[in-house]
Amino acid sequence: MIAVVGGGIAGLAAAYRLQQAGHDPTVFEASDTVGGLAATYETEGDPIEAYYHHLSATEETIVELAEELGVDDRLDWLWGHDSYYVDGVVHPLNTAWEIAAYPHLSFHDKFRLGMLTLGVDVRGGIPSFDSYDDLEAYEHVPIKEFLLEHTTQGVYDFFFEPLLRAKFGSRKEDVSAAWLLGRIQFRGERDLLKGEKLGYFDGSFAVLVDALVEAVGRENVETGARVQDIDFGESVQSLTIEQGGTATEHAVDDVVVTTMPHLLERWTGYECDIEFQGSVCAVVGMDEPVTDTYWLNIADEAPFGALIEHTNFVSPERYGGERLLYCASYIQSQDEELWQLSDDEIRDRWLGGIEDMFPEFDRDSVNWMEIARNPRTAPIYERGYLDMVVPYDLAGDIADSIYYAGMASRAQYPERSLNGGIEAGYAAADALLEE
């Protein structure tokens, strides 16, 4: 038997790839539902993800998978509008004209920022169009040092620093320039008049997850099945699975692990030095919108890192007319105050934060609020990150017939995504098939 440990997008993609090659893998998922970070809540209409998701135009693998599974007709490409909240004012930053009108950067700042986002290196006055092609060349370059050299102090202070603080908190200066350049390349092309087109499934990303489960076979996906141990010598021998309070040993020929690397270490002793940040993410169901923008970055002090108003991107009619808003913050340690707060305390603090930012917001318009927490949502892309990724084939590190496709995989560099999860699942499956 081939076992796939983890029923997130990477695990389902690995199982799908193996099945397409003629194998019959079994997926073991510890929780009661599949999908991982793409798991959803119910609403009055379509389900909504517990953690916000959309696709950029560069994410081709997931689009191709949707076509293979016959759900590409459910994938809509919509205009996502971004804004920046500074000094109590929401500044739209979608079109060239809105960016030109942004008052917190000089003309020279905007020029240098624009050239960076276009991938043009203008240092020395002679444009270079290939300086940023090799991301690995910037693996050990501190992100602040890079930005001060390749843009301006103003661009760093009034544009990037608040974003980095919201994303990485106390670890912001440990991040490499490669992450930033990869993030810029990851984003799709921007229309100068409309902004950026983003992908979202009609019916949520559960449409893709459900199609993957159907393709793999629901009978081949075991939920509530927690791996307790992996037994191996020169090659893998068995898995011990706890299900319904009973532990059972399953003989296996190969295993693909798609969980976080701390679990791989627990089961096999393989040590991964990549550090992860956690997140707290709330979905708020309301009668009225808060803003008219989709993604609101925040430069001012706020109890959350960003506001993502989903129904300014996807029509509220899909949710019975209700307005849906994400409030989200990253944490770098579970010792942080936010992680220690109860759900009720977070609700009060975050709704109060929205009231402070938008005095016209009426807390009585809130119908419900769901809060999700995950201690390991994304890697911290610190300098030297590539030296720490976990290989797909662990034959030389642990034992034959053990493979890895979790978030510490090469496919999740320089930015983690559902697309990267699918690519990691494919890569681990292909490594197994080659053997």
Protein backbone atom coordinates (compact mmCIF):
# COMPACT_ATOMS: atom_id res chain seq x y z
CA MET A 1 0.00 0.00 0.00
CA ILE A 2 1.07 3.58 -0.68
CA ALA A 3 0.08 5.85 2.20
CA VAL A 4 -0.33 9.61 1.91
CA VAL A 5 -0.20 11.33 5.30
CA GLY A 6 -2.29 14.50 5.26
CA GLY A 7 -5.49 15.35 3.41
CA GLY A 8 -4.67 18.94 2.54
CA ILE A 9 -4.22 20.14 -1.02
CA ALA A 10 -0.69 18.64 -1.27
CA GLY A 11 -1.76 15.24 0.00
CA LEU A 12 -4.77 15.06 -2.30
CA ALA A 13 -2.64 16.20 -5.25
CA ALA A 14 -0.02 13.52 -4.50
CA ALA A 15 -2.72 10.84 -4.25
CA TYR A 16 -4.27 12.04 -7.50
CA ARG A 17 -0.94 11.91 -9.31
CA LEU A 18 -0.24 8.41 -8.03
CA GLN A 19 -3.67 7.21 -9.01
CA GLN A 20 -3.26 8.67 -12.49
CA ALA A 21 -0.13 6.50 -12.76
CA GLY A 22 -2.11 3.36 -11.92
CA HIS A 23 -1.61 3.11 -8.14
CA ASP A 24 -4.26 3.02 -5.43
CA PRO A 25 -3.00 5.20 -2.56
CA THR A 26 -4.78 5.74 0.77
CA VAL A 27 -4.91 9.22 2.32
CA PHE A 28 -4.84 9.47 6.11
CA GLU A 29 -6.11 12.80 7.47
CA ALA A 30 -6.03 13.51 11.22
CA SER A 31 -8.95 15.95 11.29
CA ASP A 32 -12.55 15.19 10.40
CA THR A 33 -12.42 17.15 7.15
CA VAL A 34 -10.02 17.39 4.23
CA GLY A 35 -8.66 20.54 2.61
CA GLY A 36 -6.23 21.78 5.26
CA LEU A 37 -5.98 25.56 5.09
CA ALA A 38 -8.68 25.51 2.39
CA ALA A 39 -11.30 24.16 4.83
CA THR A 40 -14.56 26.14 4.86
CA TYR A 41 -17.42 27.46 6.98
CA GLU A 42 -21.07 27.27 5.99
CA THR A 43 -22.98 30.48 5.17
CA GLU A 44 -26.48 31.31 3.93
CA GLY A 45 -25.16 30.56 0.44
CA ASP A 46 -21.80 29.27 -0.75
CA PRO A 47 -19.24 28.08 1.81
CA ILE A 48 -16.40 30.45 2.72
CA GLU A 49 -12.79 29.52 3.51
CA ALA A 50 -11.64 29.88 7.10
CA TYR A 51 -8.45 31.47 5.70
CA TYR A 52 -8.69 33.83 2.72
CA HIS A 53 -7.66 32.48 -0.69
CA HIS A 54 -7.45 33.63 -4.28
CA LEU A 55 -5.30 32.79 -7.30
CA SER A 56 -2.85 34.94 -9.20
CA ALA A 57 -2.51 34.57 -12.95
CA THR A 58 0.93 32.99 -12.52
CA GLU A 59 -0.53 29.95 -10.71
CA GLU A 60 -0.86 27.76 -13.77
CA THR A 61 -0.63 24.30 -12.19
CA ILE A 62 -3.80 24.67 -10.16
CA VAL A 63 -5.65 25.99 -13.22
CA GLU A 64 -4.50 23.00 -15.25
CA LEU A 65 -5.65 20.67 -12.46
CA ALA A 66 -9.06 22.34 -12.44
CA GLU A 67 -9.29 21.67 -16.18
CA GLU A 68 -8.35 18.02 -15.72
CA LEU A 69 -10.97 17.62 -13.00
CA GLY A 70 -13.65 19.33 -15.06
CA VAL A 71 -14.22 22.28 -12.70
CA ASP A 72 -12.41 24.97 -14.68
CA ASP A 73 -15.81 26.40 -15.66
CA ARG A 74 -16.30 27.22 -11.96
CA LEU A 75 -13.13 29.33 -11.83
CA ASP A 76 -13.89 33.03 -12.19
CA TRP A 77 -11.33 35.75 -12.80
CA LEU A 78 -12.34 38.92 -11.02
CA TRP A 79 -10.80 42.31 -10.39
CA GLY A 80 -9.27 42.55 -6.92
CA HIS A 81 -8.97 46.09 -5.60
CA ASP A 82 -6.20 46.99 -3.15
CA SER A 83 -5.93 50.00 -0.87
CA TYR A 84 -3.63 51.33 1.86
CA TYR A 85 -4.95 52.78 5.11
CA VAL A 86 -2.66 55.61 6.23
CA ASP A 87 -3.42 58.36 8.77
CA GLY A 88 -7.09 57.45 8.86
CA VAL A 89 -7.55 57.59 5.09
CA VAL A 90 -8.10 54.73 2.62
CA HIS A 91 -5.93 55.25 -0.46
CA PRO A 92 -6.84 53.08 -3.50
CA LEU A 93 -3.71 51.68 -5.19
CA ASN A 94 -5.02 49.78 -8.21
CA THR A 95 -4.49 51.92 -11.28
CA ALA A 96 -1.54 53.99 -12.40
CA TRP A 97 -3.53 57.15 -11.67
CA GLU A 98 -4.36 56.10 -8.11
CA ILE A 99 -0.74 55.22 -7.45
CA ALA A 100 0.34 58.58 -8.90
CA ALA A 101 -2.07 60.33 -6.53
CA TYR A 102 -0.81 58.51 -3.42
CA PRO A 103 0.41 61.38 -1.22
CA HIS A 104 2.89 59.54 1.03
CA LEU A 105 5.55 58.93 -1.64
CA SER A 106 7.44 61.45 -3.75
CA PHE A 107 7.53 61.21 -7.54
CA HIS A 108 11.02 59.70 -7.30
CA ASP A 109 9.80 57.20 -4.69
CA LYS A 110 6.97 56.11 -6.98
CA PHE A 111 9.31 55.79 -9.94
CA ARG A 112 11.73 53.56 -8.04
CA LEU A 113 8.88 51.49 -6.60
CA GLY A 114 7.31 51.12 -10.04
CA MET A 115 10.56 49.98 -11.60
CA LEU A 116 11.05 47.36 -8.90
CA THR A 117 7.55 45.96 -9.36
CA LEU A 118 8.18 45.79 -13.12
CA GLY A 119 11.42 43.91 -12.50
CA VAL A 120 13.65 46.71 -13.81
CA ASP A 121 16.86 47.54 -11.95
CA VAL A 122 17.61 51.25 -12.46
CA ARG A 123 20.61 51.60 -10.19
CA GLY A 124 23.35 53.60 -11.82
CA GLY A 125 20.90 55.13 -14.30
CA ILE A 126 21.14 52.28 -16.82
CA PRO A 127 18.07 50.02 -16.77
CA SER A 128 18.70 46.29 -16.42
CA PHE A 129 15.85 43.90 -17.22
CA ASP A 130 17.39 40.68 -15.91
CA SER A 131 18.93 41.68 -12.56
CA TYR A 132 16.13 40.00 -10.61
CA ASP A 133 15.72 36.83 -12.67
CA ASP A 134 17.90 34.67 -10.41
CA LEU A 135 16.12 34.72 -7.07
CA GLU A 136 18.75 32.56 -5.42
CA ALA A 137 21.27 35.35 -5.90
CA TYR A 138 19.31 37.32 -3.29
CA GLU A 139 18.88 34.45 -0.81
CA HIS A 140 21.32 35.93 1.68
CA VAL A 141 20.54 39.61 1.10
CA PRO A 142 18.62 41.27 3.99
CA ILE A 143 15.33 42.64 2.75
CA LYS A 144 15.80 46.10 4.28
CA GLU A 145 19.29 46.44 2.82
CA PHE A 146 17.94 45.41 -0.59
CA LEU A 147 15.05 47.88 -0.52
CA LEU A 148 17.21 50.80 0.53
CA GLU A 149 19.64 50.03 -2.29
CA HIS A 150 17.10 49.26 -5.01
CA THR A 151 14.41 51.81 -4.11
CA THR A 152 14.52 54.68 -1.59
CA GLN A 153 14.26 55.37 2.12
CA GLY A 154 10.78 56.75 1.52
CA VAL A 155 9.64 53.59 -0.25
CA TYR A 156 10.90 51.52 2.66
CA ASP A 157 9.50 53.73 5.43
CA PHE A 158 6.11 54.57 3.95
CA PHE A 159 5.30 51.54 1.81
CA PHE A 160 7.18 48.33 2.60
CA GLU A 161 8.00 48.60 6.30
CA PRO A 162 4.36 48.57 7.49
CA LEU A 163 3.63 45.62 5.19
CA LEU A 164 6.65 43.69 6.44
CA ARG A 165 5.74 44.45 10.04
CA ALA A 166 2.21 43.12 9.47
CA LYS A 167 3.50 40.03 7.69
CA PHE A 168 6.55 39.07 9.77
CA GLY A 169 6.35 41.13 12.95
CA SER A 170 9.55 40.99 14.99
CA ARG A 171 11.15 38.79 12.33
CA LYS A 172 10.77 41.27 9.47
CA GLU A 173 14.47 42.06 9.10
CA ASP A 174 15.41 38.36 9.05
CA VAL A 175 13.58 37.89 5.73
CA SER A 176 15.57 37.65 2.50
CA ALA A 177 15.23 39.86 -0.56
CA ALA A 178 14.54 36.68 -2.53
CA TRP A 179 11.16 36.37 -0.81
CA LEU A 180 10.16 39.89 -1.84
CA LEU A 181 11.28 39.45 -5.45
CA GLY A 182 9.50 36.11 -5.62
CA ARG A 183 6.37 37.70 -4.21
CA ILE A 184 6.48 40.40 -6.87
CA GLN A 185 6.93 37.79 -9.61
CA PHE A 186 4.19 35.65 -8.09
CA ARG A 187 1.61 38.38 -8.59
CA GLY A 188 -0.05 38.56 -12.00
CA GLU A 189 0.26 41.38 -14.46
CA ARG A 190 -1.56 44.53 -13.43
CA ASP A 191 -3.90 46.40 -15.79
CA LEU A 192 -3.03 50.09 -15.61
CA LEU A 193 -6.72 51.00 -15.70
CA LYS A 194 -8.35 48.23 -13.64
CA GLY A 195 -5.78 46.67 -11.32
CA GLU A 196 -5.07 42.95 -10.96
CA LYS A 197 -7.27 40.02 -11.95
CA LEU A 198 -7.51 37.25 -9.36
CA GLY A 199 -9.07 33.79 -9.52
CA TYR A 200 -11.74 32.38 -7.26
CA PHE A 201 -14.02 29.36 -7.57
CA ASP A 202 -17.77 29.77 -7.79
CA GLY A 203 -18.60 27.82 -4.64
CA SER A 204 -15.22 28.39 -2.92
CA PHE A 205 -12.03 26.33 -3.19
CA ALA A 206 -14.09 23.47 -1.78
CA VAL A 207 -15.10 22.91 -5.42
CA LEU A 208 -11.52 21.92 -6.27
CA VAL A 209 -11.02 19.95 -3.03
CA ASP A 210 -14.24 17.98 -3.58
CA ALA A 211 -13.28 17.24 -7.18
CA LEU A 212 -9.88 15.97 -6.02
CA VAL A 213 -11.51 13.73 -3.43
CA GLU A 214 -13.87 12.32 -6.05
CA ALA A 215 -10.95 11.69 -8.39
CA VAL A 216 -8.93 9.96 -5.68
CA GLY A 217 -12.02 8.08 -4.48
CA ARG A 218 -13.79 8.88 -1.23
CA GLU A 219 -13.22 5.30 -0.15
CA ASN A 220 -9.47 5.99 -0.34
CA VAL A 221 -9.58 9.00 2.01
CA GLU A 222 -9.62 8.20 5.73
CA THR A 223 -10.52 11.16 7.98
CA GLY A 224 -10.12 11.19 11.75
CA ALA A 225 -7.06 9.02 11.15
CA ARG A 226 -4.08 10.35 13.08
CA VAL A 227 -0.64 8.94 12.35
CA GLN A 228 1.10 8.01 15.60
CA ASP A 229 4.30 6.48 14.26
CA ILE A 230 6.18 5.48 11.11
CA ASP A 231 8.14 2.27 11.43
CA PHE A 232 11.10 1.89 9.09
CA GLY A 233 14.45 0.20 8.68
CA GLU A 234 16.23 0.53 5.35
CA SER A 235 12.76 1.30 3.97
CA VAL A 236 9.37 2.11 5.41
CA GLN A 237 7.54 -0.83 6.98
CA SER A 238 4.30 0.38 8.53
CA LEU A 239 2.24 3.24 9.91
CA THR A 240 0.47 3.25 13.26
CA ILE A 241 -2.87 5.02 12.86
CA GLU A 242 -5.12 6.09 15.72
CA GLN A 243 -8.75 6.19 14.61
CA GLY A 244 -11.77 6.31 16.87
CA GLY A 245 -9.62 5.79 19.93
CA THR A 246 -8.02 2.62 18.57
CA ALA A 247 -4.45 2.37 17.26
CA THR A 248 -3.86 0.05 14.31
CA GLU A 249 -0.69 -0.84 12.46
CA HIS A 250 -0.89 -0.69 8.66
CA ALA A 251 1.77 -2.29 6.48
CA VAL A 252 2.90 0.11 3.74
CA ASP A 253 5.32 -0.01 0.84
CA ASP A 254 5.75 3.75 0.43
CA VAL A 255 4.65 6.82 2.34
CA VAL A 256 4.27 10.45 1.23
CA VAL A 257 4.24 12.83 4.21
CA THR A 258 2.51 16.16 3.50
CA THR A 259 2.29 17.53 7.04
CA MET A 260 4.36 20.23 8.72
CA PRO A 261 8.01 19.21 9.24
CA HIS A 262 7.78 19.03 13.05
CA LEU A 263 5.57 15.95 12.61
CA LEU A 264 8.04 14.44 10.15
CA GLU A 265 10.70 14.95 12.83
CA ARG A 266 8.50 13.33 15.49
CA TRP A 267 7.96 10.23 13.37
CA THR A 268 11.37 9.85 11.74
CA GLY A 269 13.90 12.06 13.53
CA TYR A 270 14.48 14.23 10.44
CA GLU A 271 15.23 17.77 11.61
CA CYS A 272 14.12 20.79 9.60
CA ASP A 273 15.37 24.21 10.70
CA ILE A 274 12.69 26.22 8.93
CA GLU A 275 10.70 28.31 11.38
CA PHE A 276 6.99 28.91 10.88
CA GLN A 277 4.67 31.71 11.83
CA GLY A 278 1.11 31.20 12.93
CA SER A 279 -2.02 33.18 12.26
CA VAL A 280 -5.32 34.18 13.74
CA CYS A 281 -7.99 34.77 11.12
CA ALA A 282 -11.62 35.77 11.61
CA VAL A 283 -14.50 35.79 9.15
CA VAL A 284 -17.13 38.38 10.01
CA GLY A 285 -20.66 38.13 8.57
CA MET A 286 -22.35 41.55 8.40
CA ASP A 287 -25.39 43.32 6.98
CA GLU A 288 -23.37 46.28 5.66
CA PRO A 289 -19.94 46.66 4.03
CA VAL A 290 -17.08 48.30 5.90
CA THR A 291 -15.13 49.57 2.87
CA ASP A 292 -15.36 49.48 -0.91
CA THR A 293 -12.00 47.75 -1.36
CA TYR A 294 -11.03 44.07 -1.38
CA TRP A 295 -7.60 44.07 0.27
CA LEU A 296 -6.81 46.78 2.78
CA ASN A 297 -3.22 47.01 3.98
CA ILE A 298 -2.79 49.06 7.13
CA ALA A 299 0.09 51.42 7.94
CA ASP A 300 -1.46 52.77 11.14
CA GLU A 301 -1.62 51.04 14.49
CA ALA A 302 -4.39 48.43 14.48
CA PRO A 303 -5.06 45.22 16.42
CA PHE A 304 -4.96 43.20 13.19
CA GLY A 305 -2.60 43.09 10.23
CA ALA A 306 -5.03 43.46 7.34
CA LEU A 307 -8.72 43.62 6.42
CA ILE A 308 -9.85 41.59 3.41
CA GLU A 309 -13.43 42.32 2.45
CA HIS A 310 -14.32 39.20 0.50
CA THR A 311 -17.66 40.47 -0.78
CA ASN A 312 -15.99 43.44 -2.43
CA PHE A 313 -14.31 40.80 -4.60
CA VAL A 314 -17.00 38.10 -4.87
CA SER A 315 -20.65 39.15 -5.08
CA PRO A 316 -22.48 39.08 -1.73
CA GLU A 317 -25.39 37.45 -3.57
CA ARG A 318 -23.42 34.20 -3.38
CA TYR A 319 -23.78 34.39 0.40
CA GLY A 320 -27.45 35.20 0.70
CA GLY A 321 -26.71 38.93 0.44
CA GLU A 322 -24.53 38.95 3.54
CA ARG A 323 -21.24 40.86 3.61
CA LEU A 324 -18.12 38.87 4.55
CA LEU A 325 -14.93 40.39 5.93
CA TYR A 326 -11.66 38.76 6.98
CA CYS A 327 -9.62 40.20 9.85
CA ALA A 328 -6.19 38.60 10.05
CA SER A 329 -2.91 38.75 11.93
CA TYR A 330 0.26 36.70 11.86
CA ILE A 331 2.04 35.68 15.05
CA GLN A 332 5.73 34.80 15.38
CA SER A 333 5.36 33.01 18.70
CA GLN A 334 2.56 31.40 20.66
CA ASP A 335 3.71 33.53 23.59
CA GLU A 336 2.31 36.63 21.87
CA GLU A 337 -0.68 38.23 23.56
CA LEU A 338 -2.99 37.75 20.57
CA TRP A 339 -2.54 33.99 20.64
CA GLN A 340 -3.34 33.92 24.36
CA LEU A 341 -6.66 35.79 24.01
CA SER A 342 -9.96 33.95 24.01
CA ASP A 343 -12.21 34.11 20.96
CA ASP A 344 -14.52 36.53 22.80
CA GLU A 345 -11.58 38.79 23.65
CA ILE A 346 -10.39 38.76 20.04
CA ARG A 347 -13.90 39.51 18.82
CA ASP A 348 -14.19 42.53 21.12
CA ARG A 349 -10.71 43.81 20.32
CA TRP A 350 -10.97 43.41 16.57
CA LEU A 351 -14.47 44.84 16.22
CA GLY A 352 -13.29 47.73 18.36
CA GLY A 353 -10.35 48.17 15.98
CA ILE A 354 -12.70 48.39 13.02
CA GLU A 355 -14.77 50.98 14.88
CA ASP A 356 -11.62 53.04 15.55
CA MET A 357 -10.66 52.95 11.87
CA PHE A 358 -14.17 53.46 10.52
CA PRO A 359 -16.38 55.40 13.00
CA GLU A 360 -19.44 54.80 10.81
CA PHE A 361 -19.10 51.03 11.33
CA ASP A 362 -22.01 49.68 13.39
CA ARG A 363 -21.11 46.69 15.51
CA ASP A 364 -24.81 45.77 15.61
CA SER A 365 -24.61 44.96 11.89
CA VAL A 366 -22.40 41.95 12.72
CA ASN A 367 -24.38 38.71 12.51
CA TRP A 368 -21.63 36.22 13.27
CA MET A 369 -17.87 35.90 13.60
CA GLU A 370 -15.82 32.73 13.29
CA ILE A 371 -12.19 32.69 14.45
CA ALA A 372 -9.59 30.21 13.23
CA ARG A 373 -6.09 29.76 14.64
CA ASN A 374 -3.16 27.85 13.26
CA PRO A 375 0.28 27.86 14.92
CA ARG A 376 2.05 27.07 11.63
CA THR A 377 0.44 28.85 8.70
CA ALA A 378 3.46 29.91 6.68
CA PRO A 379 7.25 29.73 6.71
CA ILE A 380 9.42 32.64 7.75
CA TYR A 381 11.44 33.13 4.60
CA GLU A 382 14.64 34.08 6.35
CA ARG A 383 18.03 34.33 4.69
CA GLY A 384 19.44 30.98 3.67
CA TYR A 385 15.99 29.43 3.45
CA LEU A 386 16.81 27.21 0.47
CA ASP A 387 19.47 25.42 2.49
CA MET A 388 16.75 24.21 4.86
CA VAL A 389 14.02 22.90 2.54
CA VAL A 390 13.08 19.25 2.93
CA PRO A 391 13.81 17.11 -0.17
CA TYR A 392 10.99 15.28 -1.88
CA ASP A 393 12.83 11.95 -1.73
CA LEU A 394 14.16 11.22 1.76
CA ALA A 395 15.99 8.01 0.86
CA GLY A 396 19.36 9.57 1.58
CA ASP A 397 18.23 11.18 4.83
CA ILE A 398 15.87 8.71 6.51
CA ALA A 399 15.06 5.57 4.56
CA ASP A 400 13.96 4.35 1.17
CA SER A 401 10.31 4.82 0.19
CA ILE A 402 9.69 7.90 2.38
CA TYR A 403 8.80 11.11 0.54
CA TYR A 404 7.87 14.63 1.62
CA ALA A 405 5.48 17.21 0.15
CA GLY A 406 4.66 19.50 3.07
CA MET A 407 5.01 23.27 3.34
CA ALA A 408 8.78 23.03 3.81
CA SER A 409 9.12 21.76 0.22
CA ARG A 410 10.98 23.55 -2.57
CA ALA A 411 7.69 24.16 -4.40
CA GLN A 412 6.56 26.46 -1.58
CA TYR A 413 9.44 28.86 -2.18
CA PRO A 414 9.63 31.83 -2.36
CA GLU A 415 5.97 32.09 -1.35
CA ARG A 416 3.58 29.46 -0.09
CA SER A 417 0.31 28.91 -1.96
CA LEU A 418 -2.27 26.29 -2.87
CA ASN A 419 -0.59 26.13 -6.26
CA GLY A 420 2.71 25.36 -4.53
CA GLY A 421 0.98 22.65 -2.50
CA ILE A 422 -0.18 20.94 -5.68
CA GLU A 423 3.29 21.20 -7.22
CA ALA A 424 4.84 19.73 -4.06
CA GLY A 425 2.36 16.84 -4.08
CA TYR A 426 3.12 16.16 -7.73
CA ALA A 427 6.90 16.34 -7.18
CA ALA A 428 6.86 13.86 -4.27
CA ALA A 429 4.60 11.50 -6.22
CA ASP A 430 6.89 11.72 -9.26
CA ALA A 431 9.91 10.96 -7.08
CA LEU A 432 8.12 7.85 -5.81
CA LEU A 433 7.15 6.80 -9.32
CA GLU A 434 10.74 7.16 -10.53
CA GLU A 435 11.78 4.59 -7.94
